[in-house]
Amino acid sequence: MIGNRRVAQGEFDNLSNYGLLFTDGLGPCIAVLFYDEVSQTAYLSHLEQPDSGTVWNAFIDIIPKGQVYKIYTWGGAHESINDEETTELTTQSRRFIKEQLQEIFPDSKLNISWTPKDHTGYISIDLETGDITKESDKNCSDQIDSKTDNRNA
């Protein structure tokens, strides 16, 4: 498929009309995906500690306001190996993202969900069809590598 783009940790990107926009390796990190059905444009971020502001603010700045989007979240998993402070940070990040989306894009359709505890996640959108794929697995990174290889073939 022409135009595939992977969004790395701590980055964001957008894509229009065709191709696959995706991110993977979502543990406690949070992906936020905006989709404008009219223009067939998607915006995707892979955020670490989004309430720190820098990447989140830059990401939000590139998204045109006053439009209605389908918005999806994924990632934000709690991990057993984390201490209470890290788990609380993940919970705060989830809350921050949800509140920001509701405040900045009140007319958009929110699909807020998080990967299960101790799982990593993958989210993508196929711009030709508008199909959203969310996956999670304890060994998700191995599955993603093979899927990415197949998508780029």
Protein backbone atom coordinates (compact mmCIF):
# COMPACT_ATOMS: atom_id res chain seq x y z
CA MET A 1 0.00 0.00 0.00
CA ILE A 2 1.46 3.37 -1.03
CA GLY A 3 1.75 6.08 1.60
CA ASN A 4 2.00 4.01 4.78
CA ARG A 5 3.23 6.01 7.74
CA ARG A 6 4.29 4.79 11.16
CA VAL A 7 4.10 7.29 14.01
CA ALA A 8 6.96 6.71 16.44
CA GLN A 9 6.82 7.21 20.20
CA GLY A 10 6.71 10.91 21.10
CA GLU A 11 5.68 11.95 17.57
CA PHE A 12 2.59 12.72 15.48
CA ASP A 13 1.68 12.80 11.80
CA ASN A 14 -1.23 13.11 9.41
CA LEU A 15 -2.25 11.48 6.16
CA SER A 16 -4.98 12.16 3.60
CA ASN A 17 -6.97 10.12 1.07
CA TYR A 18 -4.98 6.88 0.87
CA GLY A 19 -2.47 4.78 2.76
CA LEU A 20 -2.22 3.44 6.28
CA LEU A 21 -1.42 5.63 9.29
CA PHE A 22 -0.44 3.60 12.35
CA THR A 23 1.47 3.38 15.61
CA ASP A 24 2.53 0.45 17.73
CA GLY A 25 4.29 -0.41 20.96
CA LEU A 26 1.62 1.33 23.05
CA GLY A 27 2.10 0.32 26.68
CA PRO A 28 1.42 3.19 29.06
CA CYS A 29 1.83 5.61 26.11
CA ILE A 30 -1.42 6.86 24.61
CA ALA A 31 -2.37 7.10 20.94
CA VAL A 32 -4.96 9.64 19.88
CA LEU A 33 -6.41 9.32 16.38
CA PHE A 34 -8.60 11.95 14.71
CA TYR A 35 -10.47 11.12 11.51
CA ASP A 36 -12.29 13.60 9.30
CA GLU A 37 -14.59 11.55 7.06
CA VAL A 38 -15.32 14.48 4.74
CA SER A 39 -11.70 15.19 3.80
CA GLN A 40 -10.52 11.61 4.45
CA THR A 41 -7.74 13.01 6.64
CA ALA A 42 -6.38 11.38 9.78
CA TYR A 43 -4.15 12.76 12.51
CA LEU A 44 -2.36 10.38 14.87
CA SER A 45 -0.14 10.91 17.90
CA HIS A 46 1.84 8.51 20.11
CA LEU A 47 2.10 10.36 23.41
CA GLU A 48 4.29 9.83 26.45
CA GLN A 49 3.03 11.61 29.56
CA PRO A 50 0.71 13.81 27.46
CA ASP A 51 -0.06 16.18 30.29
CA SER A 52 3.55 17.44 30.08
CA GLY A 53 2.27 19.45 27.15
CA THR A 54 4.92 19.80 24.47
CA VAL A 55 3.98 17.08 21.96
CA TRP A 56 0.29 17.20 22.92
CA ASN A 57 0.07 20.96 22.33
CA ALA A 58 1.91 20.76 18.99
CA PHE A 59 -0.36 17.89 17.92
CA ILE A 60 -3.56 19.72 18.86
CA ASP A 61 -2.32 22.85 17.06
CA ILE A 62 -2.15 21.07 13.66
CA ILE A 63 -5.75 19.84 13.84
CA PRO A 64 -8.27 22.23 12.28
CA LYS A 65 -10.83 23.37 14.85
CA GLY A 66 -14.55 23.71 14.25
CA GLN A 67 -14.84 20.40 12.42
CA VAL A 68 -16.47 17.20 13.60
CA TYR A 69 -14.11 14.24 13.92
CA LYS A 70 -14.27 10.64 14.93
CA ILE A 71 -11.70 10.48 17.73
CA TYR A 72 -10.17 7.27 19.06
CA THR A 73 -7.81 6.60 21.95
CA TRP A 74 -5.77 3.47 22.59
CA GLY A 75 -2.85 2.49 24.80
CA GLY A 76 -2.62 3.84 28.34
CA ALA A 77 -2.17 0.37 29.81
CA HIS A 78 -1.42 -0.12 33.46
CA GLU A 79 1.53 -2.44 33.95
CA SER A 80 2.08 -4.82 36.85
CA ILE A 81 5.78 -3.93 37.01
CA ASN A 82 5.00 -0.28 37.69
CA ASP A 83 4.93 1.23 41.13
CA GLU A 84 1.93 3.19 42.43
CA GLU A 85 3.36 6.50 41.25
CA THR A 86 3.73 5.32 37.65
CA THR A 87 0.26 3.77 37.67
CA GLU A 88 -1.14 7.08 38.95
CA LEU A 89 0.67 8.97 36.18
CA THR A 90 -0.94 6.69 33.59
CA THR A 91 -4.35 7.26 35.18
CA GLN A 92 -3.77 11.02 35.17
CA SER A 93 -2.71 10.90 31.52
CA ARG A 94 -5.90 9.02 30.59
CA ARG A 95 -8.01 11.58 32.45
CA PHE A 96 -6.11 14.51 30.91
CA ILE A 97 -6.60 13.23 27.34
CA LYS A 98 -10.32 12.57 27.84
CA GLU A 99 -10.94 16.00 29.40
CA GLN A 100 -8.94 17.82 26.73
CA LEU A 101 -10.77 16.05 23.90
CA GLN A 102 -14.17 16.79 25.43
CA GLU A 103 -13.25 20.45 25.94
CA ILE A 104 -11.52 21.21 22.62
CA PHE A 105 -13.70 19.05 20.34
CA PRO A 106 -17.14 19.00 22.04
CA ASP A 107 -19.08 18.10 18.88
CA SER A 108 -16.86 15.21 17.83
CA LYS A 109 -17.63 11.55 18.45
CA LEU A 110 -15.26 10.18 21.11
CA ASN A 111 -14.33 6.52 21.23
CA ILE A 112 -12.30 6.38 24.46
CA SER A 113 -10.81 2.99 25.23
CA TRP A 114 -7.58 1.71 26.72
CA THR A 115 -5.48 -1.39 26.21
CA PRO A 116 -5.84 -4.06 28.90
CA LYS A 117 -3.43 -4.24 31.82
CA ASP A 118 0.04 -5.55 30.88
CA HIS A 119 -0.69 -5.39 27.14
CA THR A 120 0.88 -3.39 24.35
CA GLY A 121 -1.27 -1.94 21.63
CA TYR A 122 -1.46 -1.08 17.95
CA ILE A 123 -3.87 1.30 16.22
CA SER A 124 -4.22 2.11 12.53
CA ILE A 125 -6.53 3.71 10.03
CA ASP A 126 -6.82 2.75 6.39
CA LEU A 127 -7.57 6.04 4.64
CA GLU A 128 -9.06 4.36 1.59
CA THR A 129 -11.78 2.65 3.63
CA GLY A 130 -11.84 4.60 6.90
CA ASP A 131 -11.41 1.31 8.78
CA ILE A 132 -9.88 1.59 12.25
CA THR A 133 -7.95 -1.35 13.68
CA LYS A 134 -7.12 -1.63 17.38
CA GLU A 135 -5.18 -4.60 18.66
CA SER A 136 -3.61 -5.52 21.96
CA ASP A 137 -1.58 -8.44 23.09
CA LYS A 138 1.05 -9.34 25.64
CA ASN A 139 3.30 -10.08 22.66
CA CYS A 140 1.86 -7.44 20.36
CA SER A 141 5.22 -6.07 19.17
CA ASP A 142 6.09 -9.40 17.52
CA GLN A 143 2.75 -9.45 15.71
CA ILE A 144 3.11 -5.83 14.61
CA ASP A 145 6.53 -6.38 13.04
CA SER A 146 5.15 -9.11 10.78
CA LYS A 147 2.02 -7.08 9.92
CA THR A 148 4.09 -3.99 9.12
CA ASP A 149 6.32 -6.06 6.85
CA ASN A 150 3.24 -7.42 5.04
CA ARG A 151 1.67 -3.97 4.68
CA ASN A 152 4.79 -2.55 3.09
CA ALA A 153 5.14 -5.45 0.65
